[in-house]
Amino acid sequence: MFTVNIITVGKLKEQYFRDAVAEYSKRLGAFCKLNIIELSEQRLSENPSQKGIENALSLEGKQMLSYMTTKSTYSYVMCIEGKQVSSEELAKGFNEIALSGNSTINFVIGSSFGISEEVKSNANFKLSMSKMTFPHQLARVMLLEQIYRAFQIQNNSKYHK
């Protein structure tokens, strides 16, 4: 059984997002061990400088990298410049990850400032949900739904149709 880690910056503020995450977490329990790892969000002034943003990304990145550098782990980093894949392609990717001997899959979601280049360069795969921009907190819910859908596809369920 896979371990799936959602490594994200900050906590969910709205109850409806927390409820959706709880629902998908419950559903995913049949397919994997799910961990949601909420990292500390770096605070910036109201008018942050480029240097301040880079420093925040670096600090957040160090936290992310500590989860990404373990053996038998495959890491997806969520970023706009990443590759867009279908639900079926994500499911196929899970099969390939398992066949290559990896038992843990990380999905890394950055803060509203993005993800450091160091984290991106240490990822196995850069994944984009869409060319559109979504609220940071909604990304977690959308990602969990797609992970659940991928496992359903692997199990020939009708959920994905």
Protein backbone atom coordinates (compact mmCIF):
# COMPACT_ATOMS: atom_id res chain seq x y z
CA MET A 1 0.00 0.00 0.00
CA PHE A 2 1.26 3.44 -0.94
CA THR A 3 1.86 6.23 1.51
CA VAL A 4 0.70 9.51 0.01
CA ASN A 5 1.94 12.73 1.55
CA ILE A 6 0.37 16.07 0.73
CA ILE A 7 3.05 18.55 1.71
CA THR A 8 1.58 22.01 1.77
CA VAL A 9 2.22 25.45 3.19
CA GLY A 10 -0.30 26.80 5.67
CA LYS A 11 -3.55 25.56 7.15
CA LEU A 12 -7.02 25.48 5.64
CA LYS A 13 -9.05 28.36 7.04
CA GLU A 14 -12.54 27.69 5.67
CA GLN A 15 -14.59 24.88 7.19
CA TYR A 16 -15.98 23.82 3.79
CA PHE A 17 -12.44 23.14 2.54
CA ARG A 18 -11.62 21.21 5.72
CA ASP A 19 -14.83 19.17 5.26
CA ALA A 20 -13.92 18.31 1.65
CA VAL A 21 -10.39 17.29 2.67
CA ALA A 22 -11.83 15.12 5.45
CA GLU A 23 -14.19 13.40 3.00
CA TYR A 24 -11.45 12.59 0.47
CA SER A 25 -9.09 11.55 3.27
CA LYS A 26 -11.71 9.04 4.44
CA ARG A 27 -12.23 7.71 0.91
CA LEU A 28 -8.50 7.41 0.26
CA GLY A 29 -8.07 5.26 3.36
CA ALA A 30 -9.09 2.23 1.28
CA PHE A 31 -6.17 2.78 -1.11
CA CYS A 32 -3.30 4.39 0.75
CA LYS A 33 -2.00 5.81 3.98
CA LEU A 34 -2.59 9.54 3.61
CA ASN A 35 -0.62 12.19 5.49
CA ILE A 36 -1.33 15.88 5.17
CA ILE A 37 1.73 17.80 6.26
CA GLU A 38 1.07 21.50 6.85
CA LEU A 39 4.29 23.49 6.88
CA SER A 40 4.78 26.89 8.45
CA GLU A 41 3.85 29.78 6.22
CA GLN A 42 6.42 32.55 6.08
CA ARG A 43 5.03 35.97 6.93
CA LEU A 44 5.92 38.99 4.84
CA SER A 45 5.20 42.69 5.14
CA GLU A 46 2.25 44.23 3.25
CA ASN A 47 4.60 45.29 0.45
CA PRO A 48 7.09 42.46 0.23
CA SER A 49 10.27 42.95 -1.73
CA GLN A 50 11.54 40.42 -4.24
CA LYS A 51 14.34 39.58 -1.81
CA GLY A 52 11.77 38.98 0.96
CA ILE A 53 9.75 36.65 -1.26
CA GLU A 54 12.88 34.74 -2.28
CA ASN A 55 13.85 34.36 1.38
CA ALA A 56 10.36 33.08 2.27
CA LEU A 57 10.47 30.59 -0.61
CA SER A 58 13.90 29.41 0.52
CA LEU A 59 12.73 28.84 4.11
CA GLU A 60 9.58 27.03 2.97
CA GLY A 61 11.67 25.06 0.47
CA LYS A 62 14.01 23.75 3.17
CA GLN A 63 11.00 22.36 5.03
CA MET A 64 9.66 20.74 1.84
CA LEU A 65 13.00 19.19 0.90
CA SER A 66 13.24 17.42 4.23
CA TYR A 67 10.29 15.26 3.11
CA MET A 68 11.39 14.85 -0.49
CA THR A 69 14.85 13.35 -0.06
CA THR A 70 13.94 10.02 1.51
CA LYS A 71 14.49 6.69 -0.24
CA SER A 72 11.68 5.02 -2.19
CA THR A 73 9.84 8.33 -2.49
CA TYR A 74 8.50 9.86 -5.70
CA SER A 75 7.73 13.57 -5.54
CA TYR A 76 5.30 15.57 -7.62
CA VAL A 77 5.63 19.34 -7.29
CA MET A 78 2.54 21.34 -8.15
CA CYS A 79 3.54 24.32 -10.29
CA ILE A 80 2.03 26.25 -13.15
CA GLU A 81 4.92 25.47 -15.50
CA GLY A 82 4.48 21.75 -14.87
CA LYS A 83 2.96 19.23 -17.24
CA GLN A 84 -0.79 18.78 -17.38
CA VAL A 85 -1.93 15.16 -17.35
CA SER A 86 -5.29 13.44 -17.56
CA SER A 87 -6.72 11.46 -14.65
CA GLU A 88 -5.92 8.26 -16.56
CA GLU A 89 -2.31 9.37 -17.05
CA LEU A 90 -1.99 10.10 -13.32
CA ALA A 91 -3.30 6.61 -12.54
CA LYS A 92 -0.81 5.11 -15.00
CA GLY A 93 1.94 7.14 -13.31
CA PHE A 94 1.00 5.60 -9.95
CA ASN A 95 1.41 2.12 -11.49
CA GLU A 96 4.82 3.03 -12.89
CA ILE A 97 5.90 4.48 -9.53
CA ALA A 98 4.93 1.24 -7.78
CA LEU A 99 6.74 -0.88 -10.37
CA SER A 100 9.90 1.17 -9.89
CA GLY A 101 9.96 0.26 -6.20
CA ASN A 102 8.72 3.50 -4.69
CA SER A 103 6.28 3.15 -1.79
CA THR A 104 5.71 6.82 -0.99
CA ILE A 105 4.31 9.53 -3.23
CA ASN A 106 4.67 13.17 -2.25
CA PHE A 107 2.57 15.96 -3.68
CA VAL A 108 4.05 19.34 -2.83
CA ILE A 109 1.86 22.46 -2.89
CA GLY A 110 3.66 25.76 -2.36
CA SER A 111 2.44 28.95 -0.80
CA SER A 112 0.78 31.81 -2.65
CA PHE A 113 4.32 32.92 -3.57
CA GLY A 114 5.03 29.62 -5.31
CA ILE A 115 7.76 27.05 -4.78
CA SER A 116 11.51 27.57 -4.73
CA GLU A 117 13.58 26.52 -7.72
CA GLU A 118 15.54 24.16 -5.47
CA VAL A 119 12.37 22.24 -4.61
CA LYS A 120 11.31 22.12 -8.25
CA SER A 121 14.71 20.80 -9.32
CA ASN A 122 14.53 18.01 -6.71
CA ALA A 123 11.09 16.85 -7.87
CA ASN A 124 10.60 13.75 -9.96
CA PHE A 125 7.70 15.38 -11.80
CA LYS A 126 6.37 18.93 -12.13
CA LEU A 127 2.59 18.74 -12.30
CA SER A 128 0.15 21.48 -13.31
CA MET A 129 -3.59 21.20 -12.72
CA SER A 130 -4.45 23.84 -15.26
CA LYS A 131 -3.28 27.00 -16.96
CA MET A 132 -5.87 28.77 -14.82
CA THR A 133 -5.06 30.09 -11.37
CA PHE A 134 -6.91 28.60 -8.39
CA PRO A 135 -6.98 29.63 -4.74
CA HIS A 136 -4.17 27.95 -2.82
CA GLN A 137 -6.60 26.23 -0.46
CA LEU A 138 -8.78 24.88 -3.26
CA ALA A 139 -5.73 23.25 -4.87
CA ARG A 140 -5.50 20.82 -1.95
CA VAL A 141 -9.10 19.70 -2.40
CA MET A 142 -8.75 19.38 -6.17
CA LEU A 143 -5.55 17.38 -5.80
CA LEU A 144 -7.08 14.97 -3.28
CA GLU A 145 -10.02 14.41 -5.63
CA GLN A 146 -7.65 13.58 -8.49
CA ILE A 147 -5.60 11.22 -6.33
CA TYR A 148 -8.82 9.46 -5.32
CA ARG A 149 -9.92 9.33 -8.96
CA ALA A 150 -6.56 7.83 -9.99
CA PHE A 151 -6.90 5.05 -7.45
CA GLN A 152 -10.47 4.43 -8.62
CA ILE A 153 -9.25 4.18 -12.22
CA GLN A 154 -6.61 1.65 -11.15
CA ASN A 155 -9.39 -0.40 -9.57
CA ASN A 156 -11.68 -0.18 -12.64
CA SER A 157 -14.33 1.75 -10.73
CA LYS A 158 -17.11 3.66 -12.46
CA TYR A 159 -16.34 6.75 -10.34
CA HIS A 160 -14.09 8.26 -12.99
CA LYS A 161 -16.61 8.03 -15.84
